[in-house]
Amino acid sequence: MAIPPQVGLCARRVVRTAFRSTLAVAAIGIAATAGAQTVRLPPVERIDAVYARYDSDSTPGCAVTVLHADSVIFSKAYGMAHIGFKVPMTTATTTWIPYSESRTFVALAAATLARDGALTLDDPVRRHVPELPAYASAVTVRHLLHHTSGLADYGSLDIAFDLTDRISDDQMFRALERWGSLNFPAGRGHMYSNTDYAVLRILVERVSTRSLHDYLHEQLLDRLGMRNTWLGVEQQKVPGAHALFHDGEWRPVLRYRISPVGRISVSTSVDDLTKWARALRDSSSGIRPLLASLERGASDTADTYGSAYGIATREDAGLALEEFRGVEGYRYITRAPAHDLSVVTMCNHYGAVVAEGPRIAALFVPGVDTTTVRTPLKAAAPSAPRPTISVTMPELQRFVGEYRTIDDKVTGVRVELVDSALVITVGDGRRFPTRSVGSGLFAMIIAGNERSHSRFDIVNGEVLLSERDVDTGAPVGKPIRRYVGLKPSPATLQGYLGAYEGEKVEGTLYVTVHGDSLMIAARGHAPILLHPNAEVDAFRVPDYVLRFTRDRAGRVTHLTLDATRVQGMRYARKRQ
């Protein structure tokens, strides 16, 4: 029977996928009896379920390869490398490993230079990068590697900083010079800072006299055959079949950060990372001794869950894991060393590769109860959706606002009323429309699929929001509550108006009033809503707490911004 043209592509993909899955199942059967460490044969449908939301001609895509020892026992791709042109994802398609996730490559470059005697990891950084301010003279290469330098995050020094901004190395050094101090004495604390690995990349390039890309290829990547791996290259310049990343609403991200830390990003493929995974267990590759040389000097206060040069070890449901990952949870290689199992997975959507590696590893390891893994597997087939229940506007309005943890920590979750429906915005800016399904439950719609339910409850006058499993209705995680801050009077709001000039940071901030809301903006950027905090003259914006200060006469004279990665950014109010 002839295949109609409009379904031909899908049909061919199904046939190709079925063939690849058959090969994978056969390989799994061999691997399960091949060595002392065993793996089990999961139904292919269970693996497919992990990537179900990406297995479509209208979604970004993912690719995964599973190795037992050095043997590939499963390999498959899902979804699209390019949605508009209907280009399917493959294991050979290159895509992006962002910034914190790519630190391992920069760290290995520094370790290679140390191995060859070009530097030591205890060298003062200013010996190689004299542009670093004098107040950072005690900062060593090892401090950069372990985020114990105390250097302020250059992006946090600008409230208007955006991931797509173009910032030069010189701009970063000028911002650090003007800031004038470390957040804590070098080696006496721990704080993730993009400045650390931005400076480390500059140092590697100065000492090696090559670009990071050229140096790592010369020393390591070419020898491993990783010829489709690119470091610090703008995405539009990556040759071959490359999949653009997508944002939270699945729109292609056409601009990428061209900045000091942006130039450590890596573009690579699952096929190339499979070679990397093999090299991790090959003593002749030299990677393990290099990684071991980086371990000494970690701070006692260091967060070992993904903060030290992009590698973390942890246990999940009794399964010991080694993860190559970033601070936001993007995992591109997950290893279960006791079972000699490696999972390599990449997607061209930032939120996709957060839990997939551990989920897949759990499926292949005998004795692991996958229902207890902290990132539980969902059923392959979604449940039949409940009918929509009508809710009045006043009832919906009760749920609108910012939500924080029970102990008042900021979550970045906001609920808004848009076109008579609730929209939930999460911390990374993704916005999910919802529909009421009754009993305080609202189905969150993600790329057309209802992946979870959000439940609103009113307890002792407070509005609580919790996530519920679609199939069982059981709570997932702890609830958060709608935050109710102090509401300043119109006269108080007017007292904040004006332009504020940075004292130790560059730039001017403009505070304005729109209706009964206070807004803040930097030049060239849209105003941001300031949310009242629980203390007088204090407000919150994403990633910052803003406080106004007054003179003895009660007039506002300054505002100060505090963030996790830098505190005490003070702006003086210009005369009105």
Foldseek 3Di string as FASTA:
>chain_A
DDDPPVCVVVVVLVVVQVVQVVQLQVLLVCQQPPDPFGWDRFPVLLLCLLCLVQADLQFFKKWKWKDQQLDTNHTDMGHPLDSVVSHGDHLQAKEWDFFQLLLLLLLLLVLVCCVVPLDNQQDQLCVQVVLADPQQRNAGNLLLLQQQSQQFALQVLDPPRDQQDAAEPVNSSLLSVLLPHGNDHRLPAHDDHLVSSLSSQVSSCRSVVHHSQVSCCVLALVVLVQPQKGFQDFQVPRDDRYRFAAELQRDGDNGGHNYSSRRGMMIGGSVSVSSVLNLVPPVVRVSVVSVVSSPPSHHPNGDQDQRRSQWHWDAWQNQTWIFRHGPVQQTQWIDRVVNSMIMGMDIRYVVSRRCSRVLVVQSTHPPRDQCRGLPHRDRSDDDDDADFDDDDPVVLVVQFAAWDAPVRHHFLWGWDQDPNWIWIAGNVGNIWTWTHRDPQWTFTARSNDRQWIWGWDQDPNWTKIFIAGPPPRHTRDDIITGDDADQDDPVVLVLVAAKWQWNSGHFIKGWDDDDSWIWIDTPPDDTFTWAHHNDPQWTDTRQWIKHFDADPVRHTFWIWIQGSSDGGGITGGDDD
